[in-house]
Amino acid sequence: MTYKNKKIKELIEHNDELENYFRNTIIPQLFVDGELKLQKFTPPAMKQFSLSASDVGRHINDIKDNFRFPSIIDNIEQVMKGNEILEKEIQTTDLRWYQMNIIPYVKMNDNKTDGVIITFVEITRRIKDLKEQERLIADHEILLDTISHDIKNPLAILVTAIELFKNVSPNDEKEFQTLLKIVDSALNKMHKLINELTEVRIEEHKYKTQAELLNFENILEDVRLTMNDNIIAVNAIILSEINISEITFSRRKLRSILYNLISNAIKFKSPQRHPKIVVTTNRDNDYIIISVKDNGVGIDKSKFEAIFSKYYRLENAIEGSGIGLYLVKEIVNNAGGKVLLESELGKGSEFTIYLKAE
């Protein structure tokens, strides 16, 4: 084979590899050349931005409206000119949020930028969750303020009355009855305030527990993004085998289940190896089965029941409140499901969640 034919063969192989990558990636991704023409895009990008095969070769200016982000051309030109990666959170005109990365495509032969690769990871739910967390913090501050002001006063009266009770004569019925009325009034006021606070909070958060049709991959990806710093810090690998994608359940509760199980898998990693976590979904008759398997330190069989207790912490726990697995079991049990555990010390654990299918 001549040198020229060898190079042509290598070029074809590289192009095939690139085509295969673009066909199989799950992330919306675009390749725009140095003349700002769209050369390739992934199937998720086709779906997300309503692209078609006829758009290949078109100038990005002709299809910029598909991306619903007015400054996309300015951002591409900025990266091509500065030859530096641009990372930013953007909101499109349809009110969706994305983590957008624009990476310069540098030719090896002359080290010049000849286009960009753009990736979009939707983070709408993540942004909403962050806003919700901010709202919860504000709500928490209001609650503390209510406790410190509205409840503090009747509580102080109650404490004072009890102290006076200690010194009142058993024969002084008038003083006894007066103090009793003060105690009764203070207790009733505190009881009323606590009931009002409880009712308001239940009403505010009631919608978050309602079941809806969810895409499991989206929930898992959301959890990954939330835990991204922890995952990177320990070089964890999270694999998934999703055989059932659609699950009817509370979004917040499903996120909580996955977050706590994956968080524990990372927290109790083996010192001998990088964490490897495998998440799978299947169906068994009337149940959706979610499995989270790790290669961590494992759990002694004598602790299988105790670890689901409230505030229980394993001996080798270095952080956490010990409430994560308790919450998981409470959520699953209250939904009519069950949690099974298989584990071996030194080899890892597998938590299997059974949720009733609707």
Protein backbone atom coordinates (compact mmCIF):
# COMPACT_ATOMS: atom_id res chain seq x y z
CA MET A 1 0.00 0.00 0.00
CA THR A 2 1.38 3.40 -1.02
CA TYR A 3 1.87 6.19 1.51
CA LYS A 4 -0.94 8.20 -0.10
CA ASN A 5 -3.39 5.29 0.05
CA LYS A 6 -2.39 4.61 3.65
CA LYS A 7 -3.16 8.22 4.62
CA ILE A 8 -6.50 8.08 2.78
CA LYS A 9 -7.38 4.89 4.66
CA GLU A 10 -6.43 6.48 7.98
CA LEU A 11 -8.51 9.55 7.14
CA ILE A 12 -11.53 7.38 6.31
CA GLU A 13 -11.10 5.43 9.56
CA HIS A 14 -10.85 8.63 11.60
CA ASN A 15 -13.92 10.02 9.86
CA ASP A 16 -15.82 6.78 10.55
CA GLU A 17 -14.85 6.99 14.22
CA LEU A 18 -16.05 10.60 14.36
CA GLU A 19 -19.31 9.67 12.64
CA ASN A 20 -19.81 6.80 15.08
CA TYR A 21 -19.17 9.12 18.03
CA PHE A 22 -21.67 11.69 16.79
CA ARG A 23 -24.29 8.99 16.15
CA ASN A 24 -24.03 7.44 19.62
CA THR A 25 -23.47 10.31 22.04
CA ILE A 26 -26.47 11.19 24.22
CA ILE A 27 -25.54 14.89 24.45
CA PRO A 28 -26.77 17.51 21.96
CA GLN A 29 -23.59 18.45 20.12
CA LEU A 30 -22.71 20.51 17.03
CA PHE A 31 -19.61 20.83 14.86
CA VAL A 32 -19.36 24.22 13.17
CA ASP A 33 -16.43 24.81 10.79
CA GLY A 34 -14.22 27.88 10.38
CA GLU A 35 -16.67 29.44 7.92
CA LEU A 36 -19.46 29.13 10.49
CA LYS A 37 -21.17 26.33 8.58
CA LEU A 38 -22.81 23.44 10.38
CA GLN A 39 -20.93 20.25 9.46
CA LYS A 40 -22.19 17.65 11.93
CA PHE A 41 -24.63 17.25 14.78
CA THR A 42 -25.69 14.47 17.13
CA PRO A 43 -29.16 12.86 17.08
CA PRO A 44 -30.07 14.53 20.42
CA ALA A 45 -29.21 17.90 18.84
CA MET A 46 -31.49 17.05 15.91
CA LYS A 47 -34.33 16.39 18.35
CA GLN A 48 -33.59 19.26 20.74
CA PHE A 49 -33.13 21.97 18.11
CA SER A 50 -35.31 20.61 15.28
CA LEU A 51 -32.37 20.07 12.92
CA SER A 52 -32.48 17.91 9.79
CA ALA A 53 -29.94 16.45 7.35
CA SER A 54 -30.62 19.36 5.00
CA ASP A 55 -29.17 21.77 7.58
CA VAL A 56 -25.67 20.30 7.17
CA GLY A 57 -23.56 22.79 5.22
CA ARG A 58 -25.79 25.77 6.04
CA HIS A 59 -24.35 28.90 7.63
CA ILE A 60 -25.10 29.06 11.34
CA ASN A 61 -26.71 32.46 10.78
CA ASP A 62 -29.43 30.77 8.67
CA ILE A 63 -30.40 28.37 11.46
CA LYS A 64 -29.57 30.40 14.59
CA ASP A 65 -33.25 30.70 15.43
CA ASN A 66 -33.36 26.91 15.96
CA PHE A 67 -31.14 27.34 19.01
CA ARG A 68 -33.35 30.05 20.54
CA PHE A 69 -30.23 31.77 21.89
CA PRO A 70 -29.54 35.16 20.24
CA SER A 71 -25.81 35.50 20.99
CA ILE A 72 -24.69 32.05 19.78
CA ILE A 73 -22.85 33.46 16.73
CA ASP A 74 -21.04 36.05 18.87
CA ASN A 75 -19.98 33.29 21.26
CA ILE A 76 -18.69 31.06 18.43
CA GLU A 77 -16.68 33.92 16.93
CA GLN A 78 -15.29 34.78 20.38
CA VAL A 79 -13.98 31.22 20.83
CA MET A 80 -12.52 31.04 17.31
CA LYS A 81 -10.76 34.37 17.80
CA GLY A 82 -9.47 33.75 21.32
CA ASN A 83 -8.87 30.00 20.90
CA GLU A 84 -10.18 29.41 24.43
CA ILE A 85 -13.04 27.26 25.72
CA LEU A 86 -16.21 29.14 26.60
CA GLU A 87 -18.42 27.71 29.34
CA LYS A 88 -21.63 29.43 30.33
CA GLU A 89 -25.15 28.81 31.54
CA ILE A 90 -27.67 30.09 29.03
CA GLN A 91 -31.42 30.46 28.92
CA THR A 92 -33.13 30.00 25.57
CA THR A 93 -36.18 31.92 24.44
CA ASP A 94 -38.39 28.94 25.35
CA LEU A 95 -37.20 29.44 28.98
CA ARG A 96 -35.00 26.32 29.11
CA TRP A 97 -31.58 26.43 30.75
CA TYR A 98 -28.44 24.80 29.31
CA GLN A 99 -24.81 24.39 30.28
CA MET A 100 -23.19 25.38 26.97
CA ASN A 101 -19.55 24.57 26.22
CA ILE A 102 -17.92 25.88 23.05
CA ILE A 103 -14.57 24.20 22.38
CA PRO A 104 -12.17 25.40 19.65
CA TYR A 105 -11.42 22.79 16.99
CA VAL A 106 -7.67 23.09 16.34
CA LYS A 107 -6.08 21.53 13.23
CA MET A 108 -3.00 19.50 14.12
CA ASN A 109 -0.96 20.39 11.00
CA ASP A 110 -0.91 24.17 11.49
CA ASN A 111 -2.27 24.50 15.06
CA LYS A 112 -4.97 26.93 13.86
CA THR A 113 -8.58 27.02 14.95
CA ASP A 114 -10.82 25.77 12.14
CA GLY A 115 -14.19 25.65 13.84
CA VAL A 116 -15.81 24.79 17.14
CA ILE A 117 -17.58 21.91 18.86
CA ILE A 118 -20.59 23.00 20.90
CA THR A 119 -22.23 20.87 23.60
CA PHE A 120 -25.51 21.56 25.35
CA VAL A 121 -26.48 19.88 28.64
CA GLU A 122 -29.98 20.82 29.74
CA ILE A 123 -30.00 22.02 33.35
CA THR A 124 -33.53 23.47 33.55
CA ARG A 125 -34.49 21.18 36.40
CA ARG A 126 -31.19 21.87 38.15
CA ILE A 127 -31.73 25.63 37.96
CA LYS A 128 -35.27 25.22 39.27
CA ASP A 129 -33.92 23.09 42.12
CA LEU A 130 -31.32 25.73 42.98
CA LYS A 131 -34.02 28.39 43.03
CA GLU A 132 -36.13 26.09 45.17
CA GLN A 133 -33.21 25.64 47.57
CA GLU A 134 -32.86 29.42 47.81
CA ARG A 135 -36.58 29.67 48.52
CA LEU A 136 -36.32 26.93 51.15
CA ILE A 137 -33.45 28.79 52.83
CA ALA A 138 -35.57 31.93 52.92
CA ASP A 139 -38.48 29.86 54.21
CA HIS A 140 -36.23 28.39 56.87
CA GLU A 141 -35.10 31.87 57.94
CA ILE A 142 -38.73 32.97 58.20
CA LEU A 143 -39.46 29.90 60.30
CA LEU A 144 -36.56 30.66 62.64
CA ASP A 145 -37.67 34.28 62.86
CA THR A 146 -41.21 33.15 63.74
CA ILE A 147 -39.88 30.80 66.40
CA SER A 148 -37.55 33.41 67.88
CA HIS A 149 -40.23 36.12 68.02
CA ASP A 150 -43.76 34.71 68.04
CA ILE A 151 -43.09 31.55 70.04
CA LYS A 152 -40.31 32.93 72.22
CA ASN A 153 -42.64 35.32 74.05
CA PRO A 154 -45.27 32.77 75.22
CA LEU A 155 -42.47 30.33 76.01
CA ALA A 156 -40.80 32.90 78.28
CA ILE A 157 -44.15 33.54 80.00
CA LEU A 158 -44.59 29.81 80.46
CA VAL A 159 -41.12 29.40 82.00
CA THR A 160 -41.73 32.34 84.37
CA ALA A 161 -45.13 30.96 85.43
CA ILE A 162 -43.65 27.54 86.17
CA GLU A 163 -40.94 29.14 88.29
CA LEU A 164 -43.64 31.01 90.25
CA PHE A 165 -45.57 27.75 90.63
CA LYS A 166 -42.63 26.36 92.59
CA ASN A 167 -43.05 29.02 95.26
CA VAL A 168 -46.82 29.28 95.47
CA SER A 169 -48.48 27.96 98.61
CA PRO A 170 -50.77 24.93 98.08
CA ASN A 171 -53.35 26.78 100.20
CA ASP A 172 -53.33 29.93 98.01
CA GLU A 173 -55.96 28.85 95.50
CA LYS A 174 -56.41 32.32 93.98
CA GLU A 175 -52.72 32.68 93.04
CA PHE A 176 -52.67 29.05 91.89
CA GLN A 177 -55.62 29.62 89.53
CA THR A 178 -54.10 32.85 88.20
CA LEU A 179 -50.82 31.12 87.32
CA LEU A 180 -52.72 28.18 85.84
CA LYS A 181 -54.57 30.54 83.48
CA ILE A 182 -51.24 32.13 82.43
CA VAL A 183 -49.75 28.69 81.69
CA ASP A 184 -52.88 27.59 79.83
CA SER A 185 -52.93 30.76 77.71
CA ALA A 186 -49.22 30.49 76.85
CA LEU A 187 -49.56 26.80 75.89
CA ASN A 188 -52.62 27.46 73.71
CA LYS A 189 -50.86 30.32 71.92
CA MET A 190 -47.78 28.17 71.21
CA HIS A 191 -49.96 25.28 70.06
CA LYS A 192 -51.87 27.56 67.68
CA LEU A 193 -48.68 29.05 66.20
CA ILE A 194 -47.12 25.62 65.66
CA ASN A 195 -50.30 24.33 63.97
CA GLU A 196 -50.42 27.37 61.67
CA LEU A 197 -46.77 26.94 60.70
CA THR A 198 -47.27 23.23 60.05
CA GLU A 199 -50.40 23.73 57.94
CA VAL A 200 -48.76 26.45 55.82
CA ARG A 201 -45.67 24.34 55.15
CA ILE A 202 -47.72 21.25 54.29
CA GLU A 203 -49.82 23.26 51.83
CA GLU A 204 -46.76 24.91 50.25
CA HIS A 205 -44.89 21.65 49.71
CA LYS A 206 -47.84 19.39 48.92
CA TYR A 207 -47.39 19.66 45.13
CA LYS A 208 -43.81 18.43 45.32
CA THR A 209 -44.96 15.00 46.46
CA GLN A 210 -47.45 14.50 43.64
CA ALA A 211 -46.64 11.72 41.19
CA GLU A 212 -45.88 12.54 37.56
CA LEU A 213 -44.57 10.66 34.55
CA LEU A 214 -40.77 10.95 34.74
CA ASN A 215 -37.89 10.09 32.45
CA PHE A 216 -35.46 8.13 34.61
CA GLU A 217 -32.39 9.11 32.55
CA ASN A 218 -33.18 12.81 33.13
CA ILE A 219 -33.50 12.33 36.89
CA LEU A 220 -30.23 10.35 37.00
CA GLU A 221 -28.42 12.98 34.94
CA ASP A 222 -29.76 15.69 37.24
CA VAL A 223 -28.36 13.82 40.26
CA ARG A 224 -25.01 13.42 38.48
CA LEU A 225 -24.83 17.16 37.82
CA THR A 226 -25.70 17.93 41.43
CA MET A 227 -22.92 15.61 42.66
CA ASN A 228 -20.44 16.42 39.91
CA ASP A 229 -17.75 17.84 42.24
CA ASN A 230 -17.89 14.77 44.51
CA ILE A 231 -17.75 12.42 41.52
CA ILE A 232 -14.70 14.15 40.07
CA ALA A 233 -12.95 14.37 43.46
CA VAL A 234 -12.83 10.57 43.86
CA ASN A 235 -12.65 9.66 40.13
CA ALA A 236 -15.95 7.80 40.43
CA ILE A 237 -17.44 6.03 37.42
CA ILE A 238 -21.23 5.94 37.16
CA LEU A 239 -22.63 3.51 34.61
CA SER A 240 -26.27 2.93 33.78
CA GLU A 241 -28.35 0.23 32.13
CA ILE A 242 -31.81 1.72 31.72
CA ASN A 243 -34.32 -0.88 30.55
CA ILE A 244 -37.31 1.07 31.89
CA SER A 245 -37.20 4.80 31.17
CA GLU A 246 -40.64 6.02 32.19
CA ILE A 247 -41.55 5.96 35.88
CA THR A 248 -44.60 7.50 37.53
CA PHE A 249 -43.42 8.86 40.86
CA SER A 250 -42.74 12.08 42.76
CA ARG A 251 -39.82 13.87 41.09
CA ARG A 252 -38.42 15.14 44.38
CA LYS A 253 -38.67 11.73 46.03
CA LEU A 254 -37.06 9.83 43.15
CA ARG A 255 -34.19 12.34 43.13
CA SER A 256 -33.82 11.86 46.88
CA ILE A 257 -33.63 8.07 46.52
CA LEU A 258 -30.94 8.20 43.81
CA TYR A 259 -29.02 11.03 45.47
CA ASN A 260 -28.77 9.25 48.82
CA LEU A 261 -27.82 5.86 47.37
CA ILE A 262 -25.18 7.26 44.99
CA SER A 263 -23.88 9.61 47.68
CA ASN A 264 -23.43 6.66 50.06
CA ALA A 265 -21.69 4.62 47.35
CA ILE A 266 -19.15 7.44 46.95
CA LYS A 267 -18.85 8.13 50.68
CA PHE A 268 -18.13 4.48 51.53
CA LYS A 269 -15.70 3.83 48.69
CA SER A 270 -12.95 1.27 49.00
CA PRO A 271 -9.44 2.71 49.52
CA GLN A 272 -8.12 0.03 47.14
CA ARG A 273 -10.02 1.18 44.02
CA HIS A 274 -11.91 4.00 42.37
CA PRO A 275 -15.66 3.95 42.99
CA LYS A 276 -17.68 2.22 40.30
CA ILE A 277 -21.46 2.61 40.57
CA VAL A 278 -23.91 0.83 38.29
CA VAL A 279 -27.53 2.01 38.14
CA THR A 280 -30.07 -0.22 36.40
CA THR A 281 -33.83 -0.24 35.92
CA ASN A 282 -36.04 -3.20 35.07
CA ARG A 283 -39.63 -4.32 35.47
CA ASP A 284 -40.89 -7.35 37.36
CA ASN A 285 -44.65 -7.84 37.09
CA ASP A 286 -46.20 -4.99 39.11
CA TYR A 287 -42.92 -3.37 40.16
CA ILE A 288 -40.33 -1.05 38.64
CA ILE A 289 -36.95 -2.18 39.97
CA ILE A 290 -34.12 0.29 40.49
CA SER A 291 -30.73 -1.10 41.44
CA VAL A 292 -27.71 0.87 42.65
CA LYS A 293 -24.62 -1.34 42.90
CA ASP A 294 -21.15 -0.26 44.04
CA ASN A 295 -17.70 -1.70 44.64
CA GLY A 296 -17.17 -0.01 48.00
CA VAL A 297 -16.27 -1.26 51.46
CA GLY A 298 -19.46 -3.28 51.86
CA ILE A 299 -21.69 -3.69 54.91
CA ASP A 300 -21.60 -6.40 57.55
CA LYS A 301 -24.77 -8.52 57.51
CA SER A 302 -25.33 -7.82 61.21
CA LYS A 303 -25.83 -4.13 60.27
CA PHE A 304 -28.36 -4.69 57.47
CA GLU A 305 -31.34 -3.66 59.58
CA ALA A 306 -29.60 -1.01 61.67
CA ILE A 307 -28.38 1.10 58.73
CA PHE A 308 -31.97 2.00 57.87
CA SER A 309 -32.55 3.38 61.36
CA LYS A 310 -32.87 7.11 61.88
CA TYR A 311 -29.50 8.81 62.58
CA TYR A 312 -27.59 5.50 62.46
CA ARG A 313 -23.99 5.92 61.32
CA LEU A 314 -21.51 3.17 60.48
CA GLU A 315 -18.27 3.03 62.44
CA ASN A 316 -16.22 4.09 59.41
CA ALA A 317 -18.53 7.02 58.57
CA ILE A 318 -16.57 10.26 58.45
CA GLU A 319 -19.43 12.57 57.51
CA GLY A 320 -23.19 12.77 57.18
CA SER A 321 -26.16 12.74 59.52
CA GLY A 322 -27.03 9.07 59.18
CA ILE A 323 -30.51 9.88 57.91
CA GLY A 324 -30.07 9.16 54.16
CA LEU A 325 -30.97 5.46 54.11
CA TYR A 326 -33.75 6.06 56.62
CA LEU A 327 -35.31 8.56 54.21
CA VAL A 328 -34.91 6.15 51.28
CA LYS A 329 -36.72 3.38 53.16
CA GLU A 330 -39.45 5.73 54.40
CA ILE A 331 -40.11 7.06 50.88
CA VAL A 332 -40.21 3.57 49.35
CA ASN A 333 -42.28 1.97 52.10
CA ASN A 334 -44.81 4.81 52.08
CA ALA A 335 -45.20 4.32 48.33
CA GLY A 336 -46.03 0.63 48.84
CA GLY A 337 -42.62 -0.61 47.74
CA LYS A 338 -39.66 -2.27 49.43
CA VAL A 339 -35.88 -1.98 49.71
CA LEU A 340 -33.57 -5.00 49.53
CA LEU A 341 -29.87 -5.03 50.34
CA GLU A 342 -27.11 -7.40 49.29
CA SER A 343 -23.59 -6.70 50.47
CA GLU A 344 -20.25 -8.31 51.19
CA LEU A 345 -17.50 -6.74 53.22
CA GLY A 346 -14.63 -5.58 51.04
CA LYS A 347 -16.53 -6.13 47.79
CA GLY A 348 -19.43 -3.70 47.73
CA SER A 349 -23.18 -3.35 48.13
CA GLU A 350 -26.31 -3.41 46.01
CA PHE A 351 -29.50 -1.64 47.02
CA THR A 352 -32.58 -2.75 45.09
CA ILE A 353 -35.66 -0.55 45.15
CA TYR A 354 -39.09 -1.95 44.25
CA LEU A 355 -41.62 0.72 43.30
CA LYS A 356 -45.18 -0.13 42.36
CA ALA A 357 -45.73 0.36 38.64
CA GLU A 358 -48.79 2.35 37.57
